[in-house]
Amino acid sequence: MKKLIYTAFSACLILAYSCQNSEWKRAEDANFYYQIAPASNSSPKLDFGDLVRYRFSLYKDGKLLRNNHPNLDSLVIPPRDYRNIIEKALVLCKEGDSIAIKFAYKELQSYLPQYQNKLKPNDELIFGLKIHSFVPKATLEASQNGQFAQEKGFETLEKMEQERKFILDNATSYSRQLEVYTQNGLSAQNLRINEGLANNNPDQQYTAQTGDTVAVYYALATQPEGTIFDQNLQTADRFLFVINQDMGLLAGFHQAAQQLKLGEAAYFYIDSRLAYGEEGSLPVVKPNQSLGLFMKMAAIWKLKK
């Protein structure tokens, strides 16, 4: 077990770490176990609203399944009641820490749908994370442009619950429309919608630019079959990323997000060159296969240059 933890950490570009205690700690109110390699600094622990940048590696039986090296992923930590196990693990850490978490695939199945034909719900996985840097919530909010005064992402739990309910109530409709869209090969402009919780304030016409952090609802489907293989509509958990900086994402995903104003939604056609390219992502996405994307812009955090 020590060797497995060491492997997960080192693959995350973490300095050599020797576990003095091979026992896993069980996380409170969460279905995972963890071990932490603490950094030698006095930074505060991560908390709700902080913007976190991290590297990760995912393992099964010591075999690497996925990582984001040498790039960084980003997210804004949501309130306690809306956290998945990765976000629950992050709040155990501070800047510079490394953590390995052990859990069953079913705990993250909706976030890792590409393995549903390869893994069983109770298969044990290990996720290694290295906290690269973070921006505290207070700094993030202070740096926002004034035009976002009415929309600060996770502004209130009530607003989040309202958005979640709207997305869940319309998830089936969105999925059906995405199937029709991908089958007919329509353009995003022809199906652009602005409904539900869209903010129609004329002062909020900004679209995200490189370096901005956004939160979106989305569904990806193969084209022309219309088979949805990745989405967050059924859980209504916002997906957060930094425009043109989280390079683990499809190029078309970044480009689509830059077309939407706050509250807008649209269907996009993504050419294979901006998706999985010549290799595809078998068995779901074939080589040179185009994709259909539904995306709704839920929040934008604009940092001062």
Protein backbone atom coordinates (compact mmCIF):
# COMPACT_ATOMS: atom_id res chain seq x y z
CA MET A 1 0.00 0.00 0.00
CA LYS A 2 2.88 2.38 0.76
CA LYS A 3 4.24 1.75 -2.72
CA LEU A 4 0.87 2.51 -4.31
CA ILE A 5 0.52 5.81 -2.43
CA TYR A 6 4.09 6.76 -3.33
CA THR A 7 3.38 5.99 -6.99
CA ALA A 8 0.18 8.06 -7.03
CA PHE A 9 1.95 11.02 -5.46
CA SER A 10 5.09 10.90 -7.59
CA ALA A 11 3.02 10.61 -10.78
CA CYS A 12 1.42 13.92 -9.78
CA LEU A 13 4.89 15.54 -9.92
CA ILE A 14 5.00 15.55 -6.12
CA LEU A 15 8.33 15.37 -4.30
CA ALA A 16 9.25 11.93 -2.95
CA TYR A 17 7.01 11.18 0.00
CA SER A 18 7.54 8.31 2.41
CA CYS A 19 4.43 7.31 4.34
CA GLN A 20 5.33 6.88 7.98
CA ASN A 21 1.86 5.54 8.68
CA SER A 22 0.28 3.24 6.11
CA GLU A 23 -3.18 3.48 7.67
CA TRP A 24 -5.88 5.24 5.71
CA LYS A 25 -8.07 7.77 7.50
CA ARG A 26 -11.80 7.74 6.81
CA ALA A 27 -13.22 11.11 5.80
CA GLU A 28 -16.09 12.37 7.92
CA ASP A 29 -19.47 12.28 6.18
CA ALA A 30 -17.87 11.01 2.95
CA ASN A 31 -17.37 7.62 1.31
CA PHE A 32 -13.60 7.69 0.89
CA TYR A 33 -10.33 7.16 2.75
CA TYR A 34 -7.31 9.43 2.50
CA GLN A 35 -3.66 10.11 3.32
CA ILE A 36 -2.04 13.55 3.19
CA ALA A 37 1.56 14.60 2.55
CA PRO A 38 1.51 18.09 4.13
CA ALA A 39 3.50 21.02 2.75
CA SER A 40 5.78 22.91 5.10
CA ASN A 41 3.87 26.19 5.13
CA SER A 42 1.24 27.89 7.27
CA SER A 43 -1.37 28.48 4.56
CA PRO A 44 -5.02 28.12 5.67
CA LYS A 45 -7.06 25.11 4.61
CA LEU A 46 -9.11 25.47 1.46
CA ASP A 47 -12.76 26.43 1.91
CA PHE A 48 -16.03 27.35 0.19
CA GLY A 49 -15.56 29.85 -2.63
CA ASP A 50 -11.78 29.42 -3.02
CA LEU A 51 -10.46 28.98 -6.57
CA VAL A 52 -8.11 25.97 -6.55
CA ARG A 53 -5.60 24.82 -9.18
CA TYR A 54 -4.29 21.27 -8.95
CA ARG A 55 -2.69 18.30 -10.70
CA PHE A 56 -4.12 14.80 -10.44
CA SER A 57 -3.59 11.15 -11.33
CA LEU A 58 -6.22 8.40 -11.22
CA TYR A 59 -5.23 4.77 -10.56
CA LYS A 60 -6.76 1.31 -10.41
CA ASP A 61 -4.65 -1.54 -9.02
CA GLY A 62 -1.54 0.62 -9.41
CA LYS A 63 -2.22 1.25 -13.12
CA LEU A 64 -2.60 4.82 -14.34
CA LEU A 65 -6.02 5.50 -15.89
CA ARG A 66 -5.91 9.25 -16.34
CA ASN A 67 -3.99 12.40 -15.40
CA ASN A 68 -3.73 16.06 -16.39
CA HIS A 69 0.07 16.42 -16.49
CA PRO A 70 1.76 18.74 -17.12
CA ASN A 71 -1.31 20.99 -17.00
CA LEU A 72 -3.50 22.17 -14.15
CA ASP A 73 -7.23 21.81 -13.52
CA SER A 74 -9.21 24.48 -11.67
CA LEU A 75 -12.41 24.64 -9.69
CA VAL A 76 -14.20 26.88 -7.22
CA ILE A 77 -15.11 24.92 -4.09
CA PRO A 78 -18.92 24.79 -3.74
CA PRO A 79 -20.89 24.82 -0.46
CA ARG A 80 -20.69 21.70 1.73
CA ASP A 81 -23.99 20.16 0.59
CA TYR A 82 -22.99 20.30 -3.09
CA ARG A 83 -19.48 18.80 -2.98
CA ASN A 84 -18.40 15.63 -4.74
CA ILE A 85 -15.68 13.52 -3.13
CA ILE A 86 -12.85 15.34 -4.94
CA GLU A 87 -14.08 18.67 -3.57
CA LYS A 88 -14.52 17.11 -0.12
CA ALA A 89 -10.92 15.94 -0.29
CA LEU A 90 -9.64 19.37 -1.33
CA VAL A 91 -11.01 21.06 1.80
CA LEU A 92 -8.81 18.75 3.87
CA CYS A 93 -5.75 20.39 2.29
CA LYS A 94 -3.87 23.66 2.13
CA GLU A 95 -1.70 25.10 -0.63
CA GLY A 96 1.17 22.78 -1.50
CA ASP A 97 -0.33 19.68 0.15
CA SER A 98 -0.65 16.35 -1.61
CA ILE A 99 -3.48 13.94 -0.90
CA ALA A 100 -4.39 10.43 -2.04
CA ILE A 101 -7.99 9.30 -1.71
CA LYS A 102 -9.35 5.75 -2.03
CA PHE A 103 -12.96 5.22 -3.10
CA ALA A 104 -15.35 3.04 -5.11
CA TYR A 105 -15.94 3.94 -8.77
CA LYS A 106 -19.67 4.44 -8.12
CA GLU A 107 -18.83 7.53 -6.04
CA LEU A 108 -17.59 9.36 -9.15
CA GLN A 109 -19.32 7.40 -11.90
CA SER A 110 -21.23 10.41 -13.22
CA TYR A 111 -17.93 12.35 -13.51
CA LEU A 112 -16.02 9.50 -15.17
CA PRO A 113 -18.56 8.07 -17.65
CA GLN A 114 -15.83 7.03 -20.09
CA TYR A 115 -14.98 4.10 -17.80
CA GLN A 116 -18.49 2.73 -17.38
CA ASN A 117 -17.76 -0.16 -19.74
CA LYS A 118 -14.39 -0.86 -18.14
CA LEU A 119 -15.06 -0.53 -14.42
CA LYS A 120 -17.58 -2.00 -12.02
CA PRO A 121 -19.40 0.23 -9.47
CA ASN A 122 -17.45 -1.24 -6.52
CA ASP A 123 -14.02 -1.20 -8.17
CA GLU A 124 -11.52 0.54 -5.91
CA LEU A 125 -9.76 3.61 -7.32
CA ILE A 126 -7.06 5.91 -5.96
CA PHE A 127 -6.97 9.58 -6.86
CA GLY A 128 -3.71 11.48 -6.22
CA LEU A 129 -3.95 15.29 -5.99
CA LYS A 130 -1.31 17.99 -5.65
CA ILE A 131 -2.56 21.46 -4.64
CA HIS A 132 -0.61 23.83 -6.85
CA SER A 133 -2.13 27.18 -5.85
CA PHE A 134 -5.36 28.86 -4.80
CA VAL A 135 -7.11 32.23 -4.76
CA PRO A 136 -9.12 32.89 -1.55
CA LYS A 137 -12.82 33.60 -1.94
CA ALA A 138 -12.43 37.16 -0.59
CA THR A 139 -9.71 37.98 -3.12
CA LEU A 140 -11.70 36.42 -5.94
CA GLU A 141 -14.81 38.45 -5.13
CA ALA A 142 -12.82 41.67 -4.65
CA SER A 143 -11.24 41.25 -8.09
CA GLN A 144 -14.51 40.83 -9.94
CA ASN A 145 -15.64 43.45 -12.37
CA GLY A 146 -18.52 45.55 -11.04
CA GLN A 147 -20.89 44.34 -13.75
CA PHE A 148 -21.05 40.98 -11.96
CA ALA A 149 -22.41 42.44 -8.73
CA GLN A 150 -25.70 40.58 -9.23
CA GLU A 151 -24.08 37.26 -10.12
CA LYS A 152 -21.13 35.94 -8.14
CA GLY A 153 -21.36 32.28 -8.98
CA PHE A 154 -22.34 30.62 -5.72
CA GLU A 155 -24.06 33.76 -4.47
CA THR A 156 -26.59 31.99 -2.24
CA LEU A 157 -27.61 28.43 -1.51
CA GLU A 158 -31.15 29.38 -2.54
CA LYS A 159 -29.97 30.51 -5.97
CA MET A 160 -27.96 27.33 -6.44
CA GLU A 161 -30.94 25.20 -5.51
CA GLN A 162 -33.14 27.17 -7.91
CA GLU A 163 -30.67 26.58 -10.75
CA ARG A 164 -30.31 22.89 -9.87
CA LYS A 165 -34.09 22.42 -9.93
CA PHE A 166 -34.40 24.20 -13.28
CA ILE A 167 -31.69 22.06 -14.88
CA LEU A 168 -33.04 18.81 -13.42
CA ASP A 169 -36.59 19.63 -14.52
CA ASN A 170 -35.36 20.26 -18.06
CA ALA A 171 -32.65 17.59 -18.32
CA THR A 172 -34.79 15.20 -20.38
CA SER A 173 -35.84 18.00 -22.72
CA TYR A 174 -32.22 19.15 -23.18
CA SER A 175 -31.10 15.60 -23.91
CA ARG A 176 -33.87 15.11 -26.49
CA GLN A 177 -33.06 18.42 -28.18
CA LEU A 178 -29.37 17.57 -28.25
CA GLU A 179 -30.16 14.27 -30.00
CA VAL A 180 -32.23 16.12 -32.64
CA TYR A 181 -29.48 18.70 -33.01
CA THR A 182 -26.69 16.18 -33.55
CA GLN A 183 -28.78 14.11 -35.95
CA ASN A 184 -29.63 17.12 -38.10
CA GLY A 185 -26.23 18.79 -37.84
CA LEU A 186 -27.72 22.22 -37.09
CA SER A 187 -25.57 25.19 -36.14
CA ALA A 188 -25.36 26.75 -32.69
CA GLN A 189 -26.75 30.05 -33.97
CA ASN A 190 -29.97 28.41 -35.16
CA LEU A 191 -30.67 26.89 -31.77
CA ARG A 192 -29.40 29.58 -29.42
CA ILE A 193 -31.73 29.96 -26.45
CA ASN A 194 -31.98 32.35 -23.54
CA GLU A 195 -34.43 31.03 -21.00
CA GLY A 196 -35.06 30.00 -17.41
CA LEU A 197 -32.56 31.80 -15.19
CA ALA A 198 -31.00 33.87 -17.93
CA ASN A 199 -29.93 37.33 -16.74
CA ASN A 200 -31.23 39.89 -19.21
CA ASN A 201 -29.57 42.91 -17.62
CA PRO A 202 -28.14 44.91 -20.57
CA ASP A 203 -25.06 45.70 -18.44
CA GLN A 204 -24.21 42.01 -18.28
CA GLN A 205 -23.38 41.29 -21.90
CA TYR A 206 -19.86 40.08 -21.17
CA THR A 207 -18.58 36.78 -22.61
CA ALA A 208 -15.74 34.92 -20.91
CA GLN A 209 -12.18 35.50 -22.08
CA THR A 210 -8.89 33.65 -21.60
CA GLY A 211 -8.11 33.35 -17.89
CA ASP A 212 -11.69 33.81 -16.69
CA THR A 213 -13.25 31.06 -14.56
CA VAL A 214 -16.70 29.86 -15.63
CA ALA A 215 -19.34 27.45 -14.31
CA VAL A 216 -21.46 25.59 -16.86
CA TYR A 217 -24.09 22.91 -17.29
CA TYR A 218 -23.37 20.72 -20.30
CA ALA A 219 -24.03 17.53 -22.26
CA LEU A 220 -21.76 16.02 -24.94
CA ALA A 221 -23.06 13.66 -27.63
CA THR A 222 -21.61 11.82 -30.59
CA GLN A 223 -22.58 13.15 -34.00
CA PRO A 224 -24.68 12.14 -35.90
CA GLU A 225 -25.99 9.35 -33.62
CA GLY A 226 -26.87 11.70 -30.77
CA THR A 227 -25.53 9.37 -28.07
CA ILE A 228 -24.90 11.40 -24.91
CA PHE A 229 -21.72 10.13 -23.20
CA ASP A 230 -20.76 12.93 -20.79
CA GLN A 231 -23.03 15.39 -18.95
CA ASN A 232 -23.82 17.00 -15.61
CA LEU A 233 -27.53 17.66 -16.23
CA GLN A 234 -28.77 14.71 -14.17
CA THR A 235 -26.86 15.87 -11.06
CA ALA A 236 -27.00 19.60 -11.85
CA ASP A 237 -23.52 20.04 -10.35
CA ARG A 238 -21.87 22.97 -12.04
CA PHE A 239 -18.67 22.22 -13.93
CA LEU A 240 -15.99 24.87 -13.38
CA PHE A 241 -12.90 25.53 -15.47
CA VAL A 242 -10.55 28.32 -16.56
CA ILE A 243 -10.93 29.46 -20.17
CA ASN A 244 -8.03 28.31 -22.39
CA GLN A 245 -5.95 27.25 -19.39
CA ASP A 246 -7.38 23.86 -18.39
CA MET A 247 -5.83 22.05 -21.32
CA GLY A 248 -7.25 18.67 -20.35
CA LEU A 249 -10.55 19.85 -21.82
CA LEU A 250 -11.56 19.68 -25.47
CA ALA A 251 -10.58 22.78 -27.45
CA GLY A 252 -14.20 22.99 -28.65
CA PHE A 253 -15.39 23.13 -25.03
CA HIS A 254 -13.32 26.28 -24.42
CA GLN A 255 -14.48 27.87 -27.67
CA ALA A 256 -18.15 27.18 -26.94
CA ALA A 257 -17.93 28.76 -23.48
CA GLN A 258 -16.56 31.96 -24.98
CA GLN A 259 -19.71 32.36 -27.12
CA LEU A 260 -22.16 32.53 -24.19
CA LYS A 261 -23.23 35.44 -22.05
CA LEU A 262 -24.30 34.90 -18.46
CA GLY A 263 -27.49 32.80 -18.37
CA GLU A 264 -27.39 31.90 -22.08
CA ALA A 265 -27.50 28.36 -23.42
CA ALA A 266 -26.86 26.95 -26.88
CA TYR A 267 -26.23 23.80 -28.90
CA PHE A 268 -22.87 23.59 -30.65
CA TYR A 269 -21.39 21.44 -33.40
CA ILE A 270 -17.77 20.54 -32.55
CA ASP A 271 -15.58 19.40 -35.42
CA SER A 272 -13.40 16.38 -34.64
CA ARG A 273 -10.29 18.57 -34.87
CA LEU A 274 -11.55 20.46 -31.80
CA ALA A 275 -12.66 17.24 -30.09
CA TYR A 276 -10.85 13.88 -29.90
CA GLY A 277 -9.25 14.11 -33.34
CA GLU A 278 -7.78 11.20 -35.25
CA GLU A 279 -7.50 8.95 -32.19
CA GLY A 280 -11.05 9.36 -30.93
CA SER A 281 -11.97 8.09 -27.45
CA LEU A 282 -12.97 4.47 -27.95
CA PRO A 283 -15.30 2.78 -27.46
CA VAL A 284 -17.62 5.81 -27.36
CA VAL A 285 -16.09 8.35 -29.76
CA LYS A 286 -14.72 7.04 -33.06
CA PRO A 287 -11.61 8.45 -34.78
CA ASN A 288 -12.36 11.73 -36.60
CA GLN A 289 -15.89 11.85 -35.13
CA SER A 290 -17.59 15.19 -34.53
CA LEU A 291 -19.60 15.98 -31.41
CA GLY A 292 -22.71 17.87 -30.37
CA LEU A 293 -22.58 20.01 -27.22
CA PHE A 294 -25.30 21.60 -25.11
CA MET A 295 -23.93 24.26 -22.75
CA LYS A 296 -25.55 26.74 -20.37
CA MET A 297 -23.44 29.50 -18.79
CA ALA A 298 -24.26 29.59 -15.06
CA ALA A 299 -21.53 31.90 -13.73
CA ILE A 300 -18.49 33.90 -14.78
CA TRP A 301 -15.64 35.04 -12.55
CA LYS A 302 -13.57 37.72 -14.25
CA LEU A 303 -10.20 38.41 -12.65
CA LYS A 304 -8.50 41.75 -13.07
CA LYS A 305 -5.53 41.67 -15.40
